Amino acid sequence: MYSCKLAAKCYNPHHEEKTKSRKWTAKQKLKAISETISASEADVGSFLRKEGLHSQELNKRHDQALASLESSVKAGPTHEEFDRLQDENKRLEREVLRKDKALAEASALLILQKKLH
């Protein structure tokens, strides 16, 4: 069997070795998705043949991109959480101002006591 394959390769100059699957960068994956997302079926087929991909691989990359976008959207605080954090921030700022005033008053009292003694 091996010798048949070897012989076929020798007699067929257009026969190419299968290339190992290459590593795609995120930029390349995004480009592949953007080129095929609104393309016709024929154009997608042409793209897949040109790039040496299977439709399942392209679908997998599309699903991964969507999952990544969904997780990045979910990562941010919700509206309610944002409001809660904003209220807490205002409360803490008021507390800091109150303590600053108390500290200034205590400092003034200490200075007055030192002047009296």
PDB file of N, CA and C in Angstrom:
ATOM      1  N   MET A   1       0.831  -1.189   0.000  1.00  0.00           N
ATOM      2  CA  MET A   1       0.000   0.000   0.000  1.00  0.00           C
ATOM      3  C   MET A   1       0.877   1.254   0.000  1.00  0.00           C
ATOM      4  N   TYR A   2       1.882   1.259   0.849  1.00  0.00           N
ATOM      5  CA  TYR A   2       2.763   2.418   0.934  1.00  0.00           C
ATOM      6  C   TYR A   2       3.461   2.647  -0.395  1.00  0.00           C
ATOM      7  N   SER A   3       3.904   1.560  -1.027  1.00  0.00           N
ATOM      8  CA  SER A   3       4.609   1.711  -2.301  1.00  0.00           C
ATOM      9  C   SER A   3       3.681   2.253  -3.383  1.00  0.00           C
ATOM     10  N   CYS A   4       2.380   1.907  -3.305  1.00  0.00           N
ATOM     11  CA  CYS A   4       1.415   2.448  -4.270  1.00  0.00           C
ATOM     12  C   CYS A   4       1.276   3.952  -4.093  1.00  0.00           C
ATOM     13  N   LYS A   5       1.193   4.382  -2.860  1.00  0.00           N
ATOM     14  CA  LYS A   5       1.082   5.819  -2.592  1.00  0.00           C
ATOM     15  C   LYS A   5       2.336   6.545  -3.050  1.00  0.00           C
ATOM     16  N   LEU A   6       3.473   5.935  -2.765  1.00  0.00           N
ATOM     17  CA  LEU A   6       4.741   6.533  -3.150  1.00  0.00           C
ATOM     18  C   LEU A   6       4.838   6.619  -4.663  1.00  0.00           C
ATOM     19  N   ALA A   7       4.420   5.564  -5.348  1.00  0.00           N
ATOM     20  CA  ALA A   7       4.465   5.552  -6.806  1.00  0.00           C
ATOM     21  C   ALA A   7       3.512   6.599  -7.374  1.00  0.00           C
ATOM     22  N   ALA A   8       2.343   6.721  -6.795  1.00  0.00           N
ATOM     23  CA  ALA A   8       1.377   7.709  -7.276  1.00  0.00           C
ATOM     24  C   ALA A   8       1.925   9.115  -7.110  1.00  0.00           C
ATOM     25  N   LYS A   9       2.631   9.318  -6.036  1.00  0.00           N
ATOM     26  CA  LYS A   9       3.209  10.634  -5.793  1.00  0.00           C
ATOM     27  C   LYS A   9       4.294  10.932  -6.825  1.00  0.00           C
ATOM     28  N   CYS A  10       5.062   9.939  -7.160  1.00  0.00           N
ATOM     29  CA  CYS A  10       6.144  10.136  -8.117  1.00  0.00           C
ATOM     30  C   CYS A  10       5.610  10.422  -9.516  1.00  0.00           C
ATOM     31  N   TYR A  11       4.514   9.767  -9.906  1.00  0.00           N
ATOM     32  CA  TYR A  11       3.973   9.933 -11.245  1.00  0.00           C
ATOM     33  C   TYR A  11       3.039  11.130 -11.370  1.00  0.00           C
ATOM     34  N   ASN A  12       2.583  11.652 -10.274  1.00  0.00           N
ATOM     35  CA  ASN A  12       1.653  12.779 -10.312  1.00  0.00           C
ATOM     36  C   ASN A  12       2.372  14.025  -9.803  1.00  0.00           C
ATOM     37  N   PRO A  13       2.813  14.880 -10.700  1.00  0.00           N
ATOM     38  CA  PRO A  13       3.568  16.060 -10.258  1.00  0.00           C
ATOM     39  C   PRO A  13       2.707  17.077  -9.507  1.00  0.00           C
ATOM     40  N   HIS A  14       1.382  17.000  -9.666  1.00  0.00           N
ATOM     41  CA  HIS A  14       0.501  17.954  -8.994  1.00  0.00           C
ATOM     42  C   HIS A  14       0.112  17.494  -7.605  1.00  0.00           C
ATOM     43  N   HIS A  15       0.521  16.288  -7.244  1.00  0.00           N
ATOM     44  CA  HIS A  15       0.177  15.759  -5.923  1.00  0.00           C
ATOM     45  C   HIS A  15       0.970  16.516  -4.861  1.00  0.00           C
ATOM     46  N   GLU A  16       0.274  17.028  -3.885  1.00  0.00           N
ATOM     47  CA  GLU A  16       0.937  17.770  -2.809  1.00  0.00           C
ATOM     48  C   GLU A  16       0.788  17.012  -1.508  1.00  0.00           C
ATOM     49  N   GLU A  17       1.802  17.094  -0.698  1.00  0.00           N
ATOM     50  CA  GLU A  17       1.726  16.508   0.641  1.00  0.00           C
ATOM     51  C   GLU A  17       0.667  17.250   1.432  1.00  0.00           C
ATOM     52  N   LYS A  18      -0.037  16.544   2.278  1.00  0.00           N
ATOM     53  CA  LYS A  18      -0.980  17.229   3.162  1.00  0.00           C
ATOM     54  C   LYS A  18      -0.174  18.081   4.127  1.00  0.00           C
ATOM     55  N   THR A  19      -0.579  19.298   4.247  1.00  0.00           N
ATOM     56  CA  THR A  19       0.123  20.179   5.175  1.00  0.00           C
ATOM     57  C   THR A  19      -0.416  19.959   6.572  1.00  0.00           C
ATOM     58  N   LYS A  20       0.440  20.118   7.518  1.00  0.00           N
ATOM     59  CA  LYS A  20       0.004  20.026   8.909  1.00  0.00           C
ATOM     60  C   LYS A  20      -0.906  21.207   9.195  1.00  0.00           C
ATOM     61  N   SER A  21      -1.863  21.005  10.080  1.00  0.00           N
ATOM     62  CA  SER A  21      -2.758  22.118  10.397  1.00  0.00           C
ATOM     63  C   SER A  21      -1.942  23.221  11.064  1.00  0.00           C
ATOM     64  N   ARG A  22      -2.115  24.399  10.548  1.00  0.00           N
ATOM     65  CA  ARG A  22      -1.331  25.514  11.067  1.00  0.00           C
ATOM     66  C   ARG A  22      -2.051  26.166  12.235  1.00  0.00           C
ATOM     67  N   LYS A  23      -1.282  26.862  13.022  1.00  0.00           N
ATOM     68  CA  LYS A  23      -1.848  27.620  14.136  1.00  0.00           C
ATOM     69  C   LYS A  23      -2.334  28.951  13.585  1.00  0.00           C
ATOM     70  N   TRP A  24      -3.564  29.281  13.887  1.00  0.00           N
ATOM     71  CA  TRP A  24      -4.153  30.532  13.446  1.00  0.00           C
ATOM     72  C   TRP A  24      -4.083  31.533  14.582  1.00  0.00           C
ATOM     73  N   THR A  25      -3.687  32.744  14.255  1.00  0.00           N
ATOM     74  CA  THR A  25      -3.702  33.805  15.256  1.00  0.00           C
ATOM     75  C   THR A  25      -5.132  34.303  15.408  1.00  0.00           C
ATOM     76  N   ALA A  26      -5.379  35.035  16.458  1.00  0.00           N
ATOM     77  CA  ALA A  26      -6.714  35.592  16.680  1.00  0.00           C
ATOM     78  C   ALA A  26      -7.100  36.514  15.523  1.00  0.00           C
ATOM     79  N   LYS A  27      -6.137  37.253  15.012  1.00  0.00           N
ATOM     80  CA  LYS A  27      -6.396  38.167  13.899  1.00  0.00           C
ATOM     81  C   LYS A  27      -6.806  37.391  12.648  1.00  0.00           C
ATOM     82  N   GLN A  28      -6.121  36.275  12.388  1.00  0.00           N
ATOM     83  CA  GLN A  28      -6.451  35.456  11.227  1.00  0.00           C
ATOM     84  C   GLN A  28      -7.840  34.828  11.376  1.00  0.00           C
ATOM     85  N   LYS A  29      -8.161  34.387  12.593  1.00  0.00           N
ATOM     86  CA  LYS A  29      -9.481  33.798  12.834  1.00  0.00           C
ATOM     87  C   LYS A  29     -10.570  34.836  12.608  1.00  0.00           C
ATOM     88  N   LEU A  30     -10.357  36.040  13.123  1.00  0.00           N
ATOM     89  CA  LEU A  30     -11.338  37.112  12.958  1.00  0.00           C
ATOM     90  C   LEU A  30     -11.513  37.462  11.486  1.00  0.00           C
ATOM     91  N   LYS A  31     -10.408  37.486  10.756  1.00  0.00           N
ATOM     92  CA  LYS A  31     -10.472  37.787   9.326  1.00  0.00           C
ATOM     93  C   LYS A  31     -11.265  36.703   8.598  1.00  0.00           C
ATOM     94  N   ALA A  32     -11.028  35.448   8.947  1.00  0.00           N
ATOM     95  CA  ALA A  32     -11.753  34.344   8.310  1.00  0.00           C
ATOM     96  C   ALA A  32     -13.246  34.450   8.583  1.00  0.00           C
ATOM     97  N   ILE A  33     -13.586  34.781   9.805  1.00  0.00           N
ATOM     98  CA  ILE A  33     -15.001  34.910  10.163  1.00  0.00           C
ATOM     99  C   ILE A  33     -15.627  36.089   9.425  1.00  0.00           C
ATOM    100  N   SER A  34     -14.931  37.221   9.411  1.00  0.00           N
ATOM    101  CA  SER A  34     -15.501  38.418   8.778  1.00  0.00           C
ATOM    102  C   SER A  34     -15.645  38.244   7.268  1.00  0.00           C
ATOM    103  N   GLU A  35     -14.735  37.485   6.651  1.00  0.00           N
ATOM    104  CA  GLU A  35     -14.825  37.269   5.205  1.00  0.00           C
ATOM    105  C   GLU A  35     -15.966  36.335   4.837  1.00  0.00           C
ATOM    106  N   THR A  36     -16.340  35.454   5.737  1.00  0.00           N
ATOM    107  CA  THR A  36     -17.334  34.439   5.398  1.00  0.00           C
ATOM    108  C   THR A  36     -18.702  34.671   6.019  1.00  0.00           C
ATOM    109  N   ILE A  37     -18.823  35.599   6.943  1.00  0.00           N
ATOM    110  CA  ILE A  37     -20.072  35.760   7.687  1.00  0.00           C
ATOM    111  C   ILE A  37     -21.236  36.130   6.772  1.00  0.00           C
ATOM    112  N   SER A  38     -21.005  36.988   5.795  1.00  0.00           N
ATOM    113  CA  SER A  38     -22.100  37.405   4.915  1.00  0.00           C
ATOM    114  C   SER A  38     -21.894  36.932   3.479  1.00  0.00           C
ATOM    115  N   ALA A  39     -20.960  36.002   3.286  1.00  0.00           N
ATOM    116  CA  ALA A  39     -20.666  35.519   1.939  1.00  0.00           C
ATOM    117  C   ALA A  39     -21.673  34.453   1.519  1.00  0.00           C
ATOM    118  N   SER A  40     -21.783  34.275   0.219  1.00  0.00           N
ATOM    119  CA  SER A  40     -22.669  33.231  -0.297  1.00  0.00           C
ATOM    120  C   SER A  40     -22.035  31.869  -0.026  1.00  0.00           C
ATOM    121  N   GLU A  41     -22.845  30.823  -0.200  1.00  0.00           N
ATOM    122  CA  GLU A  41     -22.345  29.476   0.059  1.00  0.00           C
ATOM    123  C   GLU A  41     -21.181  29.135  -0.863  1.00  0.00           C
ATOM    124  N   ALA A  42     -21.267  29.569  -2.114  1.00  0.00           N
ATOM    125  CA  ALA A  42     -20.200  29.298  -3.080  1.00  0.00           C
ATOM    126  C   ALA A  42     -18.913  30.008  -2.667  1.00  0.00           C
ATOM    127  N   ASP A  43     -19.050  31.252  -2.216  1.00  0.00           N
ATOM    128  CA  ASP A  43     -17.868  32.003  -1.782  1.00  0.00           C
ATOM    129  C   ASP A  43     -17.246  31.378  -0.538  1.00  0.00           C
ATOM    130  N   VAL A  44     -18.096  30.908   0.372  1.00  0.00           N
ATOM    131  CA  VAL A  44     -17.585  30.252   1.578  1.00  0.00           C
ATOM    132  C   VAL A  44     -16.851  28.978   1.193  1.00  0.00           C
ATOM    133  N   GLY A  45     -17.433  28.210   0.273  1.00  0.00           N
ATOM    134  CA  GLY A  45     -16.780  26.983  -0.193  1.00  0.00           C
ATOM    135  C   GLY A  45     -15.431  27.276  -0.816  1.00  0.00           C
ATOM    136  N   SER A  46     -15.373  28.328  -1.612  1.00  0.00           N
ATOM    137  CA  SER A  46     -14.116  28.727  -2.239  1.00  0.00           C
ATOM    138  C   SER A  46     -13.091  29.128  -1.179  1.00  0.00           C
ATOM    139  N   PHE A  47     -13.542  29.885  -0.191  1.00  0.00           N
ATOM    140  CA  PHE A  47     -12.650  30.307   0.894  1.00  0.00           C
ATOM    141  C   PHE A  47     -12.113  29.093   1.653  1.00  0.00           C
ATOM    142  N   LEU A  48     -13.004  28.151   1.955  1.00  0.00           N
ATOM    143  CA  LEU A  48     -12.590  26.962   2.701  1.00  0.00           C
ATOM    144  C   LEU A  48     -11.556  26.165   1.921  1.00  0.00           C
ATOM    145  N   ARG A  49     -11.763  26.010   0.621  1.00  0.00           N
ATOM    146  CA  ARG A  49     -10.791  25.269  -0.192  1.00  0.00           C
ATOM    147  C   ARG A  49      -9.461  26.004  -0.243  1.00  0.00           C
ATOM    148  N   LYS A  50      -9.530  27.329  -0.410  1.00  0.00           N
ATOM    149  CA  LYS A  50      -8.304  28.136  -0.497  1.00  0.00           C
ATOM    150  C   LYS A  50      -7.493  28.030   0.793  1.00  0.00           C
ATOM    151  N   GLU A  51      -8.188  28.059   1.930  1.00  0.00           N
ATOM    152  CA  GLU A  51      -7.507  28.038   3.226  1.00  0.00           C
ATOM    153  C   GLU A  51      -7.259  26.628   3.749  1.00  0.00           C
ATOM    154  N   GLY A  52      -7.848  25.630   3.099  1.00  0.00           N
ATOM    155  CA  GLY A  52      -7.663  24.254   3.556  1.00  0.00           C
ATOM    156  C   GLY A  52      -8.417  23.958   4.840  1.00  0.00           C
ATOM    157  N   LEU A  53      -9.576  24.566   4.984  1.00  0.00           N
ATOM    158  CA  LEU A  53     -10.390  24.381   6.185  1.00  0.00           C
ATOM    159  C   LEU A  53     -11.614  23.540   5.875  1.00  0.00           C
ATOM    160  N   HIS A  54     -12.184  22.974   6.905  1.00  0.00           N
ATOM    161  CA  HIS A  54     -13.478  22.312   6.801  1.00  0.00           C
ATOM    162  C   HIS A  54     -14.518  23.260   7.373  1.00  0.00           C
ATOM    163  N   SER A  55     -15.745  23.090   6.923  1.00  0.00           N
ATOM    164  CA  SER A  55     -16.807  23.982   7.391  1.00  0.00           C
ATOM    165  C   SER A  55     -16.991  23.874   8.902  1.00  0.00           C
ATOM    166  N   GLN A  56     -16.733  22.679   9.466  1.00  0.00           N
ATOM    167  CA  GLN A  56     -16.862  22.518  10.916  1.00  0.00           C
ATOM    168  C   GLN A  56     -15.854  23.388  11.657  1.00  0.00           C
ATOM    169  N   GLU A  57     -14.652  23.501  11.099  1.00  0.00           N
ATOM    170  CA  GLU A  57     -13.634  24.338  11.736  1.00  0.00           C
ATOM    171  C   GLU A  57     -14.047  25.808  11.712  1.00  0.00           C
ATOM    172  N   LEU A  58     -14.600  26.236  10.588  1.00  0.00           N
ATOM    173  CA  LEU A  58     -15.053  27.622  10.479  1.00  0.00           C
ATOM    174  C   LEU A  58     -16.212  27.875  11.438  1.00  0.00           C
ATOM    175  N   ASN A  59     -17.143  26.926  11.511  1.00  0.00           N
ATOM    176  CA  ASN A  59     -18.269  27.058  12.446  1.00  0.00           C
ATOM    177  C   ASN A  59     -17.777  27.109  13.885  1.00  0.00           C
ATOM    178  N   LYS A  60     -16.765  26.303  14.196  1.00  0.00           N
ATOM    179  CA  LYS A  60     -16.199  26.289  15.551  1.00  0.00           C
ATOM    180  C   LYS A  60     -15.587  27.654  15.874  1.00  0.00           C
ATOM    181  N   ARG A  61     -14.869  28.224  14.922  1.00  0.00           N
ATOM    182  CA  ARG A  61     -14.258  29.541  15.143  1.00  0.00           C
ATOM    183  C   ARG A  61     -15.327  30.610  15.320  1.00  0.00           C
ATOM    184  N   HIS A  62     -16.390  30.498  14.556  1.00  0.00           N
ATOM    185  CA  HIS A  62     -17.500  31.450  14.675  1.00  0.00           C
ATOM    186  C   HIS A  62     -18.122  31.344  16.067  1.00  0.00           C
ATOM    187  N   ASP A  63     -18.357  30.113  16.524  1.00  0.00           N
ATOM    188  CA  ASP A  63     -18.938  29.901  17.857  1.00  0.00           C
ATOM    189  C   ASP A  63     -18.015  30.418  18.958  1.00  0.00           C
ATOM    190  N   GLN A  64     -16.700  30.199  18.791  1.00  0.00           N
ATOM    191  CA  GLN A  64     -15.737  30.683  19.786  1.00  0.00           C
ATOM    192  C   GLN A  64     -15.751  32.209  19.848  1.00  0.00           C
ATOM    193  N   ALA A  65     -15.841  32.850  18.700  1.00  0.00           N
ATOM    194  CA  ALA A  65     -15.868  34.315  18.671  1.00  0.00           C
ATOM    195  C   ALA A  65     -17.113  34.837  19.374  1.00  0.00           C
ATOM    196  N   LEU A  66     -18.256  34.209  19.109  1.00  0.00           N
ATOM    197  CA  LEU A  66     -19.492  34.633  19.771  1.00  0.00           C
ATOM    198  C   LEU A  66     -19.408  34.427  21.279  1.00  0.00           C
ATOM    199  N   ALA A  67     -18.866  33.278  21.695  1.00  0.00           N
ATOM    200  CA  ALA A  67     -18.739  33.000  23.126  1.00  0.00           C
ATOM    201  C   ALA A  67     -17.821  34.015  23.789  1.00  0.00           C
ATOM    202  N   SER A  68     -16.753  34.380  23.100  1.00  0.00           N
ATOM    203  CA  SER A  68     -15.821  35.367  23.638  1.00  0.00           C
ATOM    204  C   SER A  68     -16.494  36.724  23.796  1.00  0.00           C
ATOM    205  N   LEU A  69     -17.272  37.110  22.806  1.00  0.00           N
ATOM    206  CA  LEU A  69     -17.986  38.387  22.891  1.00  0.00           C
ATOM    207  C   LEU A  69     -19.008  38.371  24.019  1.00  0.00           C
ATOM    208  N   GLU A  70     -19.721  37.266  24.155  1.00  0.00           N
ATOM    209  CA  GLU A  70     -20.724  37.169  25.214  1.00  0.00           C
ATOM    210  C   GLU A  70     -20.079  37.234  26.591  1.00  0.00           C
ATOM    211  N   SER A  71     -18.934  36.566  26.758  1.00  0.00           N
ATOM    212  CA  SER A  71     -18.282  36.579  28.069  1.00  0.00           C
ATOM    213  C   SER A  71     -17.720  37.958  28.386  1.00  0.00           C
ATOM    214  N   SER A  72     -17.263  38.694  27.365  1.00  0.00           N
ATOM    215  CA  SER A  72     -16.742  40.038  27.634  1.00  0.00           C
ATOM    216  C   SER A  72     -17.868  40.992  28.001  1.00  0.00           C
ATOM    217  N   VAL A  73     -19.038  40.792  27.441  1.00  0.00           N
ATOM    218  CA  VAL A  73     -20.186  41.630  27.794  1.00  0.00           C
ATOM    219  C   VAL A  73     -20.635  41.319  29.212  1.00  0.00           C
ATOM    220  N   LYS A  74     -20.635  40.051  29.578  1.00  0.00           N
ATOM    221  CA  LYS A  74     -21.067  39.645  30.913  1.00  0.00           C
ATOM    222  C   LYS A  74     -20.067  40.064  31.985  1.00  0.00           C
ATOM    223  N   ALA A  75     -18.832  40.320  31.592  1.00  0.00           N
ATOM    224  CA  ALA A  75     -17.792  40.635  32.570  1.00  0.00           C
ATOM    225  C   ALA A  75     -18.025  41.979  33.254  1.00  0.00           C
ATOM    226  N   GLY A  76     -18.709  42.897  32.595  1.00  0.00           N
ATOM    227  CA  GLY A  76     -18.943  44.220  33.167  1.00  0.00           C
ATOM    228  C   GLY A  76     -20.031  44.188  34.223  1.00  0.00           C
ATOM    229  N   PRO A  77     -20.060  45.208  35.082  1.00  0.00           N
ATOM    230  CA  PRO A  77     -21.092  45.248  36.132  1.00  0.00           C
ATOM    231  C   PRO A  77     -22.474  45.497  35.529  1.00  0.00           C
ATOM    232  N   THR A  78     -23.476  44.945  36.166  1.00  0.00           N
ATOM    233  CA  THR A  78     -24.848  45.172  35.722  1.00  0.00           C
ATOM    234  C   THR A  78     -25.270  46.578  36.120  1.00  0.00           C
ATOM    235  N   HIS A  79     -26.390  47.014  35.613  1.00  0.00           N
ATOM    236  CA  HIS A  79     -26.886  48.364  35.919  1.00  0.00           C
ATOM    237  C   HIS A  79     -27.144  48.515  37.413  1.00  0.00           C
ATOM    238  N   GLU A  80     -27.760  47.482  38.004  1.00  0.00           N
ATOM    239  CA  GLU A  80     -28.051  47.534  39.439  1.00  0.00           C
ATOM    240  C   GLU A  80     -26.763  47.565  40.257  1.00  0.00           C
ATOM    241  N   GLU A  81     -25.803  46.739  39.838  1.00  0.00           N
ATOM    242  CA  GLU A  81     -24.528  46.702  40.557  1.00  0.00           C
ATOM    243  C   GLU A  81     -23.805  48.039  40.417  1.00  0.00           C
ATOM    244  N   PHE A  82     -23.870  48.631  39.227  1.00  0.00           N
ATOM    245  CA  PHE A  82     -23.245  49.930  39.002  1.00  0.00           C
ATOM    246  C   PHE A  82     -23.868  50.989  39.908  1.00  0.00           C
ATOM    247  N   ASP A  83     -25.204  50.998  39.993  1.00  0.00           N
ATOM    248  CA  ASP A  83     -25.899  51.955  40.868  1.00  0.00           C
ATOM    249  C   ASP A  83     -25.504  51.751  42.325  1.00  0.00           C
ATOM    250  N   ARG A  84     -25.426  50.487  42.743  1.00  0.00           N
ATOM    251  CA  ARG A  84     -25.048  50.178  44.123  1.00  0.00           C
ATOM    252  C   ARG A  84     -23.631  50.671  44.401  1.00  0.00           C
ATOM    253  N   LEU A  85     -22.722  50.421  43.475  1.00  0.00           N
ATOM    254  CA  LEU A  85     -21.338  50.863  43.654  1.00  0.00           C
ATOM    255  C   LEU A  85     -21.240  52.387  43.665  1.00  0.00           C
ATOM    256  N   GLN A  86     -22.031  53.034  42.853  1.00  0.00           N
ATOM    257  CA  GLN A  86     -22.027  54.500  42.823  1.00  0.00           C
ATOM    258  C   GLN A  86     -22.535  55.068  44.149  1.00  0.00           C
ATOM    259  N   ASP A  87     -23.609  54.481  44.686  1.00  0.00           N
ATOM    260  CA  ASP A  87     -24.137  54.921  45.985  1.00  0.00           C
ATOM    261  C   ASP A  87     -23.114  54.704  47.091  1.00  0.00           C
ATOM    262  N   GLU A  88     -22.453  53.541  47.057  1.00  0.00           N
ATOM    263  CA  GLU A  88     -21.441  53.248  48.074  1.00  0.00           C
ATOM    264  C   GLU A  88     -20.282  54.233  47.971  1.00  0.00           C
ATOM    265  N   ASN A  89     -19.906  54.572  46.746  1.00  0.00           N
ATOM    266  CA  ASN A  89     -18.824  55.527  46.535  1.00  0.00           C
ATOM    267  C   ASN A  89     -19.183  56.896  47.121  1.00  0.00           C
ATOM    268  N   LYS A  90     -20.412  57.352  46.883  1.00  0.00           N
ATOM    269  CA  LYS A  90     -20.857  58.638  47.444  1.00  0.00           C
ATOM    270  C   LYS A  90     -20.844  58.598  48.969  1.00  0.00           C
ATOM    271  N   ARG A  91     -21.323  57.490  49.541  1.00  0.00           N
ATOM    272  CA  ARG A  91     -21.351  57.345  50.998  1.00  0.00           C
ATOM    273  C   ARG A  91     -19.934  57.408  51.564  1.00  0.00           C
ATOM    274  N   LEU A  92     -19.007  56.713  50.919  1.00  0.00           N
ATOM    275  CA  LEU A  92     -17.626  56.704  51.399  1.00  0.00           C
ATOM    276  C   LEU A  92     -16.980  58.081  51.260  1.00  0.00           C
ATOM    277  N   GLU A  93     -17.286  58.793  50.178  1.00  0.00           N
ATOM    278  CA  GLU A  93     -16.746  60.144  50.019  1.00  0.00           C
ATOM    279  C   GLU A  93     -17.266  61.075  51.115  1.00  0.00           C
ATOM    280  N   ARG A  94     -18.556  60.970  51.455  1.00  0.00           N
ATOM    281  CA  ARG A  94     -19.115  61.781  52.547  1.00  0.00           C
ATOM    282  C   ARG A  94     -18.438  61.432  53.868  1.00  0.00           C
ATOM    283  N   GLU A  95     -18.188  60.149  54.083  1.00  0.00           N
ATOM    284  CA  GLU A  95     -17.540  59.721  55.322  1.00  0.00           C
ATOM    285  C   GLU A  95     -16.124  60.280  55.405  1.00  0.00           C
ATOM    286  N   VAL A  96     -15.404  60.271  54.294  1.00  0.00           N
ATOM    287  CA  VAL A  96     -14.045  60.821  54.276  1.00  0.00           C
ATOM    288  C   VAL A  96     -14.085  62.315  54.578  1.00  0.00           C
ATOM    289  N   LEU A  97     -15.028  63.048  53.983  1.00  0.00           N
ATOM    290  CA  LEU A  97     -15.152  64.485  54.257  1.00  0.00           C
ATOM    291  C   LEU A  97     -15.454  64.741  55.732  1.00  0.00           C
ATOM    292  N   ARG A  98     -16.366  63.948  56.293  1.00  0.00           N
ATOM    293  CA  ARG A  98     -16.721  64.102  57.706  1.00  0.00           C
ATOM    294  C   ARG A  98     -15.495  63.860  58.589  1.00  0.00           C
ATOM    295  N   LYS A  99     -14.725  62.830  58.268  1.00  0.00           N
ATOM    296  CA  LYS A  99     -13.543  62.520  59.079  1.00  0.00           C
ATOM    297  C   LYS A  99     -12.452  63.568  58.887  1.00  0.00           C
ATOM    298  N   ASP A 100     -12.340  64.121  57.678  1.00  0.00           N
ATOM    299  CA  ASP A 100     -11.378  65.199  57.444  1.00  0.00           C
ATOM    300  C   ASP A 100     -11.723  66.427  58.289  1.00  0.00           C
ATOM    301  N   LYS A 101     -13.022  66.753  58.347  1.00  0.00           N
ATOM    302  CA  LYS A 101     -13.455  67.888  59.171  1.00  0.00           C
ATOM    303  C   LYS A 101     -13.172  67.630  60.643  1.00  0.00           C
ATOM    304  N   ALA A 102     -13.445  66.406  61.098  1.00  0.00           N
ATOM    305  CA  ALA A 102     -13.197  66.056  62.498  1.00  0.00           C
ATOM    306  C   ALA A 102     -11.708  66.133  62.803  1.00  0.00           C
ATOM    307  N   LEU A 103     -10.888  65.682  61.881  1.00  0.00           N
ATOM    308  CA  LEU A 103      -9.438  65.731  62.067  1.00  0.00           C
ATOM    309  C   LEU A 103      -8.958  67.182  62.108  1.00  0.00           C
ATOM    310  N   ALA A 104      -9.486  68.014  61.224  1.00  0.00           N
ATOM    311  CA  ALA A 104      -9.102  69.432  61.222  1.00  0.00           C
ATOM    312  C   ALA A 104      -9.512  70.099  62.533  1.00  0.00           C
ATOM    313  N   GLU A 105     -10.699  69.762  63.036  1.00  0.00           N
ATOM    314  CA  GLU A 105     -11.167  70.325  64.302  1.00  0.00           C
ATOM    315  C   GLU A 105     -10.288  69.862  65.459  1.00  0.00           C
ATOM    316  N   ALA A 106      -9.931  68.578  65.463  1.00  0.00           N
ATOM    317  CA  ALA A 106      -9.073  68.052  66.526  1.00  0.00           C
ATOM    318  C   ALA A 106      -7.698  68.712  66.471  1.00  0.00           C
ATOM    319  N   SER A 107      -7.190  68.912  65.268  1.00  0.00           N
ATOM    320  CA  SER A 107      -5.889  69.577  65.121  1.00  0.00           C
ATOM    321  C   SER A 107      -5.954  71.007  65.636  1.00  0.00           C
ATOM    322  N   ALA A 108      -7.028  71.701  65.316  1.00  0.00           N
ATOM    323  CA  ALA A 108      -7.188  73.084  65.782  1.00  0.00           C
ATOM    324  C   ALA A 108      -7.260  73.131  67.298  1.00  0.00           C
ATOM    325  N   LEU A 109      -7.986  72.193  67.918  1.00  0.00           N
ATOM    326  CA  LEU A 109      -8.073  72.147  69.381  1.00  0.00           C
ATOM    327  C   LEU A 109      -6.715  71.874  70.009  1.00  0.00           C
ATOM    328  N   LEU A 110      -5.937  70.978  69.422  1.00  0.00           N
ATOM    329  CA  LEU A 110      -4.597  70.694  69.951  1.00  0.00           C
ATOM    330  C   LEU A 110      -3.700  71.922  69.862  1.00  0.00           C
ATOM    331  N   ILE A 111      -3.795  72.640  68.767  1.00  0.00           N
ATOM    332  CA  ILE A 111      -2.984  73.850  68.604  1.00  0.00           C
ATOM    333  C   ILE A 111      -3.381  74.895  69.645  1.00  0.00           C
ATOM    334  N   LEU A 112      -4.670  75.057  69.887  1.00  0.00           N
ATOM    335  CA  LEU A 112      -5.142  76.008  70.901  1.00  0.00           C
ATOM    336  C   LEU A 112      -4.671  75.606  72.296  1.00  0.00           C
ATOM    337  N   GLN A 113      -4.714  74.304  72.596  1.00  0.00           N
ATOM    338  CA  GLN A 113      -4.260  73.834  73.913  1.00  0.00           C
ATOM    339  C   GLN A 113      -2.778  74.126  74.096  1.00  0.00           C
ATOM    340  N   LYS A 114      -1.985  73.926  73.048  1.00  0.00           N
ATOM    341  CA  LYS A 114      -0.554  74.187  73.144  1.00  0.00           C
ATOM    342  C   LYS A 114      -0.298  75.675  73.374  1.00  0.00           C
ATOM    343  N   LYS A 115      -1.087  76.524  72.743  1.00  0.00           N
ATOM    344  CA  LYS A 115      -0.901  77.966  72.909  1.00  0.00           C
ATOM    345  C   LYS A 115      -1.272  78.406  74.321  1.00  0.00           C
ATOM    346  N   LEU A 116      -2.273  77.753  74.915  1.00  0.00           N
ATOM    347  CA  LEU A 116      -2.689  78.106  76.269  1.00  0.00           C
ATOM    348  C   LEU A 116      -1.661  77.654  77.306  1.00  0.00           C
ATOM    349  N   HIS A 117      -0.944  76.623  77.052  1.00  0.00           N
ATOM    350  CA  HIS A 117       0.030  76.125  78.039  1.00  0.00           C
ATOM    351  C   HIS A 117       1.362  76.676  77.809  1.00  0.00           C
TER     352      HIS A 117
END
